[in-house]
C-alpha atoms as a PDB file:
ATOM      1  CA  MET A   1     -51.305  69.440 -82.695  1.00  0.00           C
ATOM      2  CA  PRO A   2     -52.742  69.100 -79.670  1.00  0.00           C
ATOM      3  CA  LYS A   3     -55.221  72.842 -78.669  1.00  0.00           C
ATOM      4  CA  LYS A   4     -53.787  74.728 -76.200  1.00  0.00           C
ATOM      5  CA  LEU A   5     -55.299  74.999 -72.874  1.00  0.00           C
ATOM      6  CA  LYS A   6     -57.721  78.195 -72.821  1.00  0.00           C
ATOM      7  CA  MET A   7     -56.250  80.523 -69.350  1.00  0.00           C
ATOM      8  CA  PRO A   8     -59.120  80.771 -66.911  1.00  0.00           C
ATOM      9  CA  ARG A   9     -60.189  83.889 -66.794  1.00  0.00           C
ATOM     10  CA  LEU A  10     -61.428  85.702 -63.094  1.00  0.00           C
ATOM     11  CA  GLU A  11     -64.468  87.262 -64.518  1.00  0.00           C
ATOM     12  CA  ASP A  12     -65.847  83.674 -65.162  1.00  0.00           C
ATOM     13  CA  ASN A  13     -64.958  82.419 -61.736  1.00  0.00           C
ATOM     14  CA  LEU A  14     -66.188  84.738 -59.682  1.00  0.00           C
ATOM     15  CA  ILE A  15     -68.892  82.467 -58.554  1.00  0.00           C
ATOM     16  CA  THR A  16     -68.762  80.298 -54.933  1.00  0.00           C
ATOM     17  CA  GLY A  17     -67.221  77.009 -55.620  1.00  0.00           C
ATOM     18  CA  LYS A  18     -65.195  78.317 -58.795  1.00  0.00           C
ATOM     19  CA  LEU A  19     -63.135  80.864 -57.413  1.00  0.00           C
ATOM     20  CA  ASP A  20     -61.415  78.810 -55.347  1.00  0.00           C
ATOM     21  CA  ASN A  21     -60.380  76.091 -58.227  1.00  0.00           C
ATOM     22  CA  PHE A  22     -59.827  79.220 -60.224  1.00  0.00           C
ATOM     23  CA  LEU A  23     -57.298  80.459 -57.852  1.00  0.00           C
ATOM     24  CA  LYS A  24     -55.588  76.942 -57.699  1.00  0.00           C
ATOM     25  CA  GLU A  25     -55.278  76.523 -61.284  1.00  0.00           C
ATOM     26  CA  ARG A  26     -53.443  80.108 -62.258  1.00  0.00           C
ATOM     27  CA  GLY A  27     -51.347  78.988 -59.465  1.00  0.00           C
ATOM     28  CA  LYS A  28     -49.708  76.178 -60.902  1.00  0.00           C
ATOM     29  CA  ARG A  29     -49.710  78.043 -64.458  1.00  0.00           C
ATOM     30  CA  HIS A  30     -46.700  80.468 -63.578  1.00  0.00           C
ATOM     31  CA  ARG A  31     -43.333  80.647 -65.370  1.00  0.00           C
ATOM     32  CA  HIS A  32     -41.909  81.996 -62.903  1.00  0.00           C
ATOM     33  CA  TYR A  33     -41.980  81.305 -58.893  1.00  0.00           C
ATOM     34  CA  ARG A  34     -39.589  83.702 -57.448  1.00  0.00           C
ATOM     35  CA  ILE A  35     -38.417  84.209 -53.459  1.00  0.00           C
ATOM     36  CA  TYR A  36     -36.134  86.780 -52.319  1.00  0.00           C
ATOM     37  CA  GLY A  37     -33.931  86.939 -48.557  1.00  0.00           C
ATOM     38  CA  THR A  38     -30.420  86.757 -48.599  1.00  0.00           C
ATOM     39  CA  ILE A  39     -27.639  84.641 -49.924  1.00  0.00           C
ATOM     40  CA  PRO A  40     -27.085  82.930 -46.687  1.00  0.00           C
ATOM     41  CA  ARG A  41     -30.414  81.566 -46.092  1.00  0.00           C
ATOM     42  CA  LEU A  42     -31.317  80.956 -49.806  1.00  0.00           C
ATOM     43  CA  ILE A  43     -27.940  78.923 -49.867  1.00  0.00           C
ATOM     44  CA  ASP A  44     -28.421  77.172 -47.016  1.00  0.00           C
ATOM     45  CA  ASN A  45     -31.969  76.292 -47.906  1.00  0.00           C
ATOM     46  CA  HIS A  46     -31.974  74.966 -51.148  1.00  0.00           C
ATOM     47  CA  TYR A  47     -27.962  73.769 -51.511  1.00  0.00           C
ATOM     48  CA  HIS A  48     -26.435  72.670 -48.369  1.00  0.00           C
ATOM     49  CA  LEU A  49     -29.369  70.995 -46.427  1.00  0.00           C
ATOM     50  CA  ASN A  50     -31.592  71.261 -50.269  1.00  0.00           C
ATOM     51  CA  ARG A  51     -34.773  72.049 -48.250  1.00  0.00           C
ATOM     52  CA  LEU A  52     -38.070  74.360 -48.501  1.00  0.00           C
ATOM     53  CA  TYR A  53     -39.663  75.570 -45.622  1.00  0.00           C
ATOM     54  CA  LEU A  54     -43.332  77.135 -45.309  1.00  0.00           C
ATOM     55  CA  SER A  55     -44.033  79.336 -42.354  1.00  0.00           C
ATOM     56  CA  ASP A  56     -48.061  79.107 -40.432  1.00  0.00           C
ATOM     57  CA  GLY A  57     -48.172  82.802 -41.336  1.00  0.00           C
ATOM     58  CA  SER A  58     -48.281  84.485 -37.479  1.00  0.00           C
ATOM     59  CA  ASN A  59     -44.306  86.260 -38.114  1.00  0.00           C
ATOM     60  CA  TRP A  60     -45.100  87.420 -41.638  1.00  0.00           C
ATOM     61  CA  ASN A  61     -44.977  91.755 -41.585  1.00  0.00           C
ATOM     62  CA  ASP A  62     -48.470  92.305 -43.357  1.00  0.00           C
ATOM     63  CA  LYS A  63     -50.215  91.750 -39.967  1.00  0.00           C
ATOM     64  CA  ILE A  64     -54.362  91.653 -41.836  1.00  0.00           C
ATOM     65  CA  ASP A  65     -53.009  88.283 -43.966  1.00  0.00           C
ATOM     66  CA  ALA A  66     -50.637  86.723 -40.704  1.00  0.00           C
ATOM     67  CA  ASN A  67     -53.812  87.003 -38.153  1.00  0.00           C
ATOM     68  CA  THR A  68     -55.925  85.653 -41.412  1.00  0.00           C
ATOM     69  CA  PHE A  69     -53.703  82.681 -42.665  1.00  0.00           C
ATOM     70  CA  SER A  70     -52.903  81.758 -39.233  1.00  0.00           C
ATOM     71  CA  ASN A  71     -56.742  81.497 -37.727  1.00  0.00           C
ATOM     72  CA  THR A  72     -57.643  77.893 -37.418  1.00  0.00           C
ATOM     73  CA  SER A  73     -61.463  78.619 -36.844  1.00  0.00           C
ATOM     74  CA  SER A  74     -62.119  76.770 -40.339  1.00  0.00           C
ATOM     75  CA  GLY A  75     -60.632  73.346 -38.610  1.00  0.00           C
ATOM     76  CA  LEU A  76     -57.907  73.652 -40.786  1.00  0.00           C
ATOM     77  CA  LYS A  77     -54.277  74.577 -40.100  1.00  0.00           C
ATOM     78  CA  TYR A  78     -51.875  76.319 -42.985  1.00  0.00           C
ATOM     79  CA  TYR A  79     -48.775  76.443 -43.753  1.00  0.00           C
ATOM     80  CA  GLY A  80     -47.463  78.694 -46.962  1.00  0.00           C
ATOM     81  CA  ALA A  81     -44.067  80.134 -48.653  1.00  0.00           C
ATOM     82  CA  CYS A  82     -44.546  82.921 -50.998  1.00  0.00           C
ATOM     83  CA  PHE A  83     -43.689  83.948 -54.040  1.00  0.00           C
ATOM     84  CA  SER A  84     -43.572  86.149 -56.646  1.00  0.00           C
ATOM     85  CA  PHE A  85     -44.921  85.221 -59.939  1.00  0.00           C
ATOM     86  CA  SER A  86     -43.819  88.370 -62.262  1.00  0.00           C
ATOM     87  CA  SER A  87     -41.669  88.067 -65.444  1.00  0.00           C
ATOM     88  CA  GLU A  88     -39.690  90.531 -64.623  1.00  0.00           C
ATOM     89  CA  GLU A  89     -37.275  91.552 -60.905  1.00  0.00           C
ATOM     90  CA  SER A  90     -38.778  93.593 -58.864  1.00  0.00           C
ATOM     91  CA  VAL A  91     -37.480  96.542 -57.219  1.00  0.00           C
ATOM     92  CA  ALA A  92     -39.746  97.171 -54.399  1.00  0.00           C
ATOM     93  CA  MET A  93     -39.419  93.426 -53.625  1.00  0.00           C
ATOM     94  CA  TRP A  94     -35.190  93.648 -53.757  1.00  0.00           C
ATOM     95  CA  MET A  95     -35.444  96.226 -51.725  1.00  0.00           C
ATOM     96  CA  LEU A  96     -37.840  94.905 -49.262  1.00  0.00           C
ATOM     97  CA  TYR A  97     -36.136  91.681 -48.703  1.00  0.00           C
ATOM     98  CA  GLY A  98     -32.713  91.494 -49.858  1.00  0.00           C
ATOM     99  CA  GLY A  99     -31.937  94.642 -51.853  1.00  0.00           C
ATOM    100  CA  LEU A 100     -30.772  96.869 -49.098  1.00  0.00           C
ATOM    101  CA  TYR A 101     -27.978  94.443 -47.981  1.00  0.00           C
ATOM    102  CA  ASP A 102     -25.034  93.097 -50.593  1.00  0.00           C
ATOM    103  CA  GLU A 103     -26.038  90.066 -49.554  1.00  0.00           C
ATOM    104  CA  GLY A 104     -29.193  89.422 -50.707  1.00  0.00           C
ATOM    105  CA  ALA A 105     -30.635  87.122 -53.169  1.00  0.00           C
ATOM    106  CA  MET A 106     -33.106  85.529 -54.980  1.00  0.00           C
ATOM    107  CA  PHE A 107     -33.687  82.364 -55.674  1.00  0.00           C
ATOM    108  CA  ASN A 108     -36.109  81.709 -58.957  1.00  0.00           C
ATOM    109  CA  PHE A 109     -38.147  78.247 -58.884  1.00  0.00           C
ATOM    110  CA  THR A 110     -39.347  77.099 -62.459  1.00  0.00           C
ATOM    111  CA  ASN A 111     -43.185  75.663 -63.309  1.00  0.00           C
ATOM    112  CA  LYS A 112     -41.770  71.928 -63.747  1.00  0.00           C
ATOM    113  CA  TYR A 113     -39.865  72.129 -60.191  1.00  0.00           C
ATOM    114  CA  MET A 114     -42.879  73.229 -58.232  1.00  0.00           C
ATOM    115  CA  ASN A 115     -45.066  71.122 -59.249  1.00  0.00           C
ATOM    116  CA  THR A 116     -43.173  67.798 -59.219  1.00  0.00           C
ATOM    117  CA  ILE A 117     -43.101  69.587 -55.856  1.00  0.00           C
ATOM    118  CA  VAL A 118     -46.453  69.214 -55.028  1.00  0.00           C
ATOM    119  CA  GLU A 119     -46.957  65.646 -57.167  1.00  0.00           C
ATOM    120  CA  LEU A 120     -44.329  63.874 -55.158  1.00  0.00           C
ATOM    121  CA  CYS A 121     -44.923  65.754 -51.881  1.00  0.00           C
ATOM    122  CA  ASP A 122     -45.916  62.603 -49.667  1.00  0.00           C
ATOM    123  CA  SER A 123     -44.287  63.537 -46.323  1.00  0.00           C
ATOM    124  CA  ILE A 124     -43.661  66.258 -44.238  1.00  0.00           C
ATOM    125  CA  TYR A 125     -41.639  67.312 -41.220  1.00  0.00           C
ATOM    126  CA  PHE A 126     -43.270  70.153 -38.479  1.00  0.00           C
ATOM    127  CA  GLY A 127     -41.528  72.248 -36.166  1.00  0.00           C
ATOM    128  CA  ASN A 128     -39.401  74.895 -34.807  1.00  0.00           C
ATOM    129  CA  PHE A 129     -36.075  76.965 -35.135  1.00  0.00           C
ATOM    130  CA  ASN A 130     -34.086  76.985 -31.701  1.00  0.00           C
ATOM    131  CA  LYS A 131     -31.490  78.885 -32.082  1.00  0.00           C
ATOM    132  CA  GLY A 132     -31.008  78.959 -35.674  1.00  0.00           C
ATOM    133  CA  ASN A 133     -31.599  75.082 -35.939  1.00  0.00           C
ATOM    134  CA  PHE A 134     -34.708  73.410 -36.633  1.00  0.00           C
ATOM    135  CA  GLU A 135     -36.197  71.084 -34.503  1.00  0.00           C
ATOM    136  CA  ILE A 136     -38.689  67.847 -35.933  1.00  0.00           C
ATOM    137  CA  LYS A 137     -41.424  67.591 -33.529  1.00  0.00           C
ATOM    138  CA  LYS A 138     -44.059  65.698 -36.086  1.00  0.00           C
ATOM    139  CA  THR A 139     -44.124  64.325 -39.770  1.00  0.00           C
ATOM    140  CA  LEU A 140     -47.092  63.670 -41.321  1.00  0.00           C
ATOM    141  CA  THR A 141     -47.715  61.448 -43.906  1.00  0.00           C
ATOM    142  CA  ARG A 142     -50.210  62.870 -47.220  1.00  0.00           C
ATOM    143  CA  LYS A 143     -52.813  61.445 -45.793  1.00  0.00           C
ATOM    144  CA  ASP A 144     -52.726  63.773 -43.068  1.00  0.00           C
ATOM    145  CA  TYR A 145     -52.366  67.213 -45.558  1.00  0.00           C
ATOM    146  CA  ASN A 146     -53.535  68.941 -48.373  1.00  0.00           C
ATOM    147  CA  ILE A 147     -50.807  70.830 -50.532  1.00  0.00           C
ATOM    148  CA  TYR A 148     -51.043  72.873 -53.692  1.00  0.00           C
ATOM    149  CA  LEU A 149     -49.918  76.262 -55.208  1.00  0.00           C
ATOM    150  CA  LYS A 150     -52.239  78.744 -54.964  1.00  0.00           C
ATOM    151  CA  ASP A 151     -52.549  82.780 -56.064  1.00  0.00           C
ATOM    152  CA  VAL A 152     -53.056  85.394 -54.107  1.00  0.00           C
ATOM    153  CA  LEU A 153     -56.589  87.363 -54.459  1.00  0.00           C
ATOM    154  CA  TYR A 154     -55.979  90.998 -53.332  1.00  0.00           C
ATOM    155  CA  TYR A 155     -59.099  93.500 -52.067  1.00  0.00           C
ATOM    156  CA  THR A 156     -60.064  96.294 -51.298  1.00  0.00           C
ATOM    157  CA  LYS A 157     -63.793  96.728 -48.893  1.00  0.00           C
ATOM    158  CA  ASN A 158     -65.823  99.225 -49.898  1.00  0.00           C
ATOM    159  CA  LYS A 159     -67.727 101.246 -47.534  1.00  0.00           C
ATOM    160  CA  ASN A 160     -71.336  99.597 -48.764  1.00  0.00           C
ATOM    161  CA  GLY A 161     -69.364  96.091 -47.814  1.00  0.00           C
ATOM    162  CA  THR A 162     -68.369  94.486 -51.678  1.00  0.00           C
ATOM    163  CA  TYR A 163     -65.491  93.998 -52.753  1.00  0.00           C
ATOM    164  CA  ASN A 164     -63.210  95.681 -55.423  1.00  0.00           C
ATOM    165  CA  PHE A 165     -61.059  92.624 -56.177  1.00  0.00           C
ATOM    166  CA  LEU A 166     -57.349  92.177 -58.715  1.00  0.00           C
ATOM    167  CA  HIS A 167     -55.705  89.390 -59.774  1.00  0.00           C
ATOM    168  CA  ASP A 168     -52.802  89.527 -62.324  1.00  0.00           C
ATOM    169  CA  LYS A 169     -53.979  92.504 -64.508  1.00  0.00           C
ATOM    170  CA  THR A 170     -57.248  91.909 -64.354  1.00  0.00           C
ATOM    171  CA  ALA A 171     -59.806  93.926 -61.185  1.00  0.00           C
ATOM    172  CA  LYS A 172     -63.218  93.727 -60.670  1.00  0.00           C
ATOM    173  CA  ARG A 173     -65.669  95.829 -58.682  1.00  0.00           C
ATOM    174  CA  GLY A 174     -68.183  95.898 -56.568  1.00  0.00           C
ATOM    175  CA  ILE A 175     -68.324  91.829 -55.618  1.00  0.00           C
ATOM    176  CA  GLY A 176     -70.578  90.282 -52.724  1.00  0.00           C
ATOM    177  CA  ASN A 177     -68.790  88.640 -49.825  1.00  0.00           C
ATOM    178  CA  ASN A 178     -69.688  85.466 -50.531  1.00  0.00           C
ATOM    179  CA  ILE A 179     -67.352  83.844 -52.444  1.00  0.00           C
ATOM    180  CA  ILE A 180     -64.661  85.645 -49.772  1.00  0.00           C
ATOM    181  CA  ASN A 181     -64.123  81.902 -48.041  1.00  0.00           C
ATOM    182  CA  ASP A 182     -63.395  80.871 -51.435  1.00  0.00           C
ATOM    183  CA  ALA A 183     -60.317  82.416 -51.883  1.00  0.00           C
ATOM    184  CA  LEU A 184     -58.922  82.040 -48.316  1.00  0.00           C
ATOM    185  CA  PRO A 185     -55.852  81.259 -47.544  1.00  0.00           C
ATOM    186  CA  ALA A 186     -54.857  83.262 -50.547  1.00  0.00           C
ATOM    187  CA  PHE A 187     -56.704  86.888 -49.684  1.00  0.00           C
ATOM    188  CA  LYS A 188     -55.100  89.833 -49.426  1.00  0.00           C
ATOM    189  CA  GLU A 189     -55.163  93.933 -49.066  1.00  0.00           C
ATOM    190  CA  MET A 190     -54.414  95.447 -52.399  1.00  0.00           C
ATOM    191  CA  PRO A 191     -51.632  97.601 -51.459  1.00  0.00           C
ATOM    192  CA  TRP A 192     -49.473  93.845 -51.565  1.00  0.00           C
ATOM    193  CA  SER A 193     -51.193  93.654 -54.917  1.00  0.00           C
ATOM    194  CA  TYR A 194     -47.220  94.634 -56.461  1.00  0.00           C
ATOM    195  CA  GLU A 195     -46.159  91.209 -55.243  1.00  0.00           C
ATOM    196  CA  ASN A 196     -47.597  89.291 -57.845  1.00  0.00           C
ATOM    197  CA  GLU A 197     -47.638  86.611 -54.839  1.00  0.00           C
ATOM    198  CA  VAL A 198     -48.691  82.795 -55.579  1.00  0.00           C
ATOM    199  CA  ARG A 199     -47.907  80.572 -52.721  1.00  0.00           C
ATOM    200  CA  LEU A 200     -47.505  76.891 -52.319  1.00  0.00           C
ATOM    201  CA  ILE A 201     -49.836  75.692 -49.009  1.00  0.00           C
ATOM    202  CA  ILE A 202     -49.891  72.752 -46.402  1.00  0.00           C
ATOM    203  CA  GLU A 203     -53.306  72.213 -45.583  1.00  0.00           C
ATOM    204  CA  VAL A 204     -53.202  70.581 -42.368  1.00  0.00           C
ATOM    205  CA  LYS A 205     -56.799  68.762 -42.035  1.00  0.00           C
ATOM    206  CA  ASP A 206     -56.190  68.049 -37.817  1.00  0.00           C
ATOM    207  CA  PRO A 207     -54.426  71.165 -36.303  1.00  0.00           C
ATOM    208  CA  ASN A 208     -53.872  69.409 -33.449  1.00  0.00           C
ATOM    209  CA  LEU A 209     -51.782  67.571 -34.921  1.00  0.00           C
ATOM    210  CA  VAL A 210     -49.441  69.899 -35.102  1.00  0.00           C
ATOM    211  CA  SER A 211     -50.991  72.902 -32.833  1.00  0.00           C
ATOM    212  CA  ASP A 212     -47.375  74.001 -31.337  1.00  0.00           C
ATOM    213  CA  CYS A 213     -45.069  73.937 -34.908  1.00  0.00           C
ATOM    214  CA  LYS A 214     -45.131  76.757 -36.211  1.00  0.00           C
ATOM    215  CA  PHE A 215     -42.587  75.921 -39.498  1.00  0.00           C
ATOM    216  CA  VAL A 216     -42.534  72.650 -41.427  1.00  0.00           C
ATOM    217  CA  TYR A 217     -40.018  71.861 -44.054  1.00  0.00           C
ATOM    218  CA  ILE A 218     -40.408  69.615 -47.565  1.00  0.00           C
ATOM    219  CA  ASP A 219     -37.460  67.809 -48.291  1.00  0.00           C
ATOM    220  CA  LEU A 220     -36.445  68.377 -52.126  1.00  0.00           C
ATOM    221  CA  ASN A 221     -33.656  65.402 -52.041  1.00  0.00           C
ATOM    222  CA  LYS A 222     -36.604  63.111 -51.706  1.00  0.00           C
ATOM    223  CA  ILE A 223     -38.218  64.876 -54.058  1.00  0.00           C
ATOM    224  CA  GLU A 224     -35.341  64.880 -56.566  1.00  0.00           C
ATOM    225  CA  ASN A 225     -35.100  61.057 -56.110  1.00  0.00           C
ATOM    226  CA  GLN A 226     -38.794  60.059 -56.418  1.00  0.00           C
ATOM    227  CA  TYR A 227     -38.376  62.087 -59.704  1.00  0.00           C
ATOM    228  CA  LYS A 228     -35.528  60.126 -60.629  1.00  0.00           C
ATOM    229  CA  LYS A 229     -37.306  57.093 -59.952  1.00  0.00           C
ATOM    230  CA  ASN A 230     -40.445  57.114 -61.177  1.00  0.00           C
ATOM    231  CA  THR A 231     -39.121  59.044 -64.707  1.00  0.00           C
ATOM    232  CA  ASN A 232     -35.587  57.511 -64.417  1.00  0.00           C
ATOM    233  CA  LYS A 233     -34.703  61.202 -65.407  1.00  0.00           C
ATOM    234  CA  SER A 234     -32.465  63.506 -63.246  1.00  0.00           C
ATOM    235  CA  LEU A 235     -34.743  66.512 -62.580  1.00  0.00           C
ATOM    236  CA  PHE A 236     -31.548  68.816 -62.382  1.00  0.00           C
ATOM    237  CA  LYS A 237     -33.232  71.366 -60.442  1.00  0.00           C
ATOM    238  CA  ALA A 238     -35.286  72.064 -63.453  1.00  0.00           C
ATOM    239  CA  ASN A 239     -33.738  75.211 -64.170  1.00  0.00           C
ATOM    240  CA  ASN A 240     -33.620  77.005 -60.977  1.00  0.00           C
ATOM    241  CA  SER A 241     -31.569  79.987 -60.447  1.00  0.00           C
ATOM    242  CA  LEU A 242     -30.027  81.843 -57.383  1.00  0.00           C
ATOM    243  CA  PHE A 243     -29.187  85.397 -58.476  1.00  0.00           C
ATOM    244  CA  CYS A 244     -27.166  88.390 -55.687  1.00  0.00           C
ATOM    245  CA  SER A 245     -28.897  91.498 -55.319  1.00  0.00           C
ATOM    246  CA  PRO A 246     -28.633  94.498 -57.385  1.00  0.00           C
ATOM    247  CA  LYS A 247     -26.317  95.843 -55.413  1.00  0.00           C
ATOM    248  CA  PHE A 248     -23.518  93.214 -54.984  1.00  0.00           C
ATOM    249  CA  LEU A 249     -19.994  93.946 -55.814  1.00  0.00           C
ATOM    250  CA  ILE A 250     -21.260  96.845 -58.195  1.00  0.00           C
ATOM    251  CA  GLU A 251     -17.641  98.277 -58.352  1.00  0.00           C
ATOM    252  CA  ASN A 252     -16.214  98.399 -61.989  1.00  0.00           C
ATOM    253  CA  TYR A 253     -13.660  96.445 -60.801  1.00  0.00           C
ATOM    254  CA  TYR A 254     -16.092  93.370 -59.998  1.00  0.00           C
ATOM    255  CA  LYS A 255     -19.247  94.147 -62.719  1.00  0.00           C
ATOM    256  CA  ASN A 256     -18.036  91.837 -65.287  1.00  0.00           C
ATOM    257  CA  CYS A 257     -16.932  88.914 -62.985  1.00  0.00           C
ATOM    258  CA  THR A 258     -19.036  85.768 -62.674  1.00  0.00           C
ATOM    259  CA  VAL A 259     -20.078  84.494 -59.575  1.00  0.00           C
ATOM    260  CA  TYR A 260     -19.898  81.356 -57.829  1.00  0.00           C
ATOM    261  CA  VAL A 261     -21.254  80.030 -54.299  1.00  0.00           C
ATOM    262  CA  ASN A 262     -19.328  77.021 -52.867  1.00  0.00           C
ATOM    263  CA  VAL A 263     -21.293  74.372 -51.708  1.00  0.00           C
ATOM    264  CA  PRO A 264     -19.830  71.635 -49.369  1.00  0.00           C
ATOM    265  CA  ASN A 265     -19.247  68.543 -50.721  1.00  0.00           C
ATOM    266  CA  LYS A 266     -20.256  69.642 -54.416  1.00  0.00           C
ATOM    267  CA  ARG A 267     -19.139  71.824 -56.827  1.00  0.00           C
ATOM    268  CA  ASN A 268     -18.897  75.525 -57.143  1.00  0.00           C
ATOM    269  CA  VAL A 269     -22.680  77.038 -58.579  1.00  0.00           C
ATOM    270  CA  LYS A 270     -22.631  79.978 -60.548  1.00  0.00           C
ATOM    271  CA  ILE A 271     -25.042  82.876 -59.315  1.00  0.00           C
ATOM    272  CA  LYS A 272     -26.724  85.286 -62.248  1.00  0.00           C
ATOM    273  CA  ARG A 273     -26.391  88.630 -61.329  1.00  0.00           C
ATOM    274  CA  SER A 274     -29.815  90.662 -61.051  1.00  0.00           C
ATOM    275  CA  SER A 275     -30.748  92.408 -64.374  1.00  0.00           C
ATOM    276  CA  LEU A 276     -30.827  95.294 -62.203  1.00  0.00           C
ATOM    277  CA  THR A 277     -27.801  95.261 -61.181  1.00  0.00           C
ATOM    278  CA  GLY A 278     -26.061  98.789 -60.936  1.00  0.00           C
ATOM    279  CA  ARG A 279     -29.469 100.543 -62.380  1.00  0.00           C
ATOM    280  CA  ILE A 280     -31.068 101.527 -58.879  1.00  0.00           C
ATOM    281  CA  ASN A 281     -29.772 104.540 -57.277  1.00  0.00           C
ATOM    282  CA  TRP A 282     -29.088 103.099 -53.570  1.00  0.00           C
ATOM    283  CA  GLN A 283     -28.300 106.071 -52.172  1.00  0.00           C
ATOM    284  CA  LEU A 284     -31.950 107.169 -51.666  1.00  0.00           C
ATOM    285  CA  THR A 285     -32.124 104.367 -49.090  1.00  0.00           C
ATOM    286  CA  GLN A 286     -29.489 106.265 -46.783  1.00  0.00           C
ATOM    287  CA  ALA A 287     -32.706 108.855 -46.381  1.00  0.00           C
ATOM    288  CA  LEU A 288     -33.837 106.883 -43.329  1.00  0.00           C
ATOM    289  CA  LYS A 289     -30.461 107.482 -41.064  1.00  0.00           C
ATOM    290  CA  ASN A 290     -30.809 111.042 -41.430  1.00  0.00           C
ATOM    291  CA  PRO A 291     -32.742 112.596 -38.130  1.00  0.00           C
ATOM    292  CA  SER A 292     -36.008 113.506 -37.956  1.00  0.00           C
ATOM    293  CA  SER A 293     -36.976 117.404 -39.772  1.00  0.00           C
ATOM    294  CA  TYR A 294     -40.187 117.651 -38.817  1.00  0.00           C
ATOM    295  CA  TYR A 295     -41.538 117.297 -34.595  1.00  0.00           C
ATOM    296  CA  ALA A 296     -44.861 115.573 -33.246  1.00  0.00           C
ATOM    297  CA  LYS A 297     -46.801 116.534 -30.842  1.00  0.00           C
ATOM    298  CA  ILE A 298     -49.209 113.835 -29.403  1.00  0.00           C
ATOM    299  CA  THR A 299     -52.265 114.807 -26.656  1.00  0.00           C
ATOM    300  CA  LYS A 300     -54.343 111.973 -25.556  1.00  0.00           C
ATOM    301  CA  ASP A 301     -56.661 111.970 -29.264  1.00  0.00           C
ATOM    302  CA  LYS A 302     -54.391 113.715 -31.480  1.00  0.00           C
ATOM    303  CA  VAL A 303     -51.168 113.754 -33.025  1.00  0.00           C
ATOM    304  CA  ILE A 304     -50.159 117.318 -35.141  1.00  0.00           C
ATOM    305  CA  ILE A 305     -46.889 117.551 -37.151  1.00  0.00           C
ATOM    306  CA  THR A 306     -44.859 120.360 -37.345  1.00  0.00           C
ATOM    307  CA  LYS A 307     -41.730 120.782 -39.350  1.00  0.00           C
END
């Protein structure tokens, strides 16, 4: 029986040159790669068009991360798609990226599928969206870019200039800043650590080639066809699964109904129900719509909050 490979540990890799390899090695070993969004978007991307979109990060909701990721001062240009490797669904991710709406969805890519993308992605398409349609400006082949999976390393900066790091469930304190570059472009502040994020990253060697492009997409049809050609087997989506929001049709009449999505030119595709269906009090979110119960008096250099 072959010996099981030992999982690399953060504490053994806090050395310049090793941390980058550690985060990439861990990035390709997860069982789950969950992306949260909406049913229309995920169905359109992964069933109708069969595409995986990546962004240059400039429009991400974490402003510090967005500025770091989209910075080209290193001589490289990055594009990324963000996934959660959590073994369970995340309430926070549902609420932030789709769960507040009936049309929320989560697409779970498997390890085999994600690593097949990295292995067989030999060309990608760069461009921008115009009125909802993607306009291709540039096509690059593998010689112009690197593609890999990389775990995010979460951090807090201490007053003495050292850092506290968190990866998965391992925390290390008082680490010097000499290895920070190894964590880029997957280095994110600690408040976001609930995401358990792993990124699919495309690293363009010459930013000038794609300076006016904010997005790229990978043609998943090409990946699947190439896999079949190489192995004489069908990838069959590698057991990827689409889940509907925990808020989707939770009334008693519907709760036992099987959910399908109609995909043009294909059979109906079954959607799984979230394991959190009927277990979240969504009414708590309605408080956001209530009138404010406080008053903020703002002067030149202070804000005083009064109930």
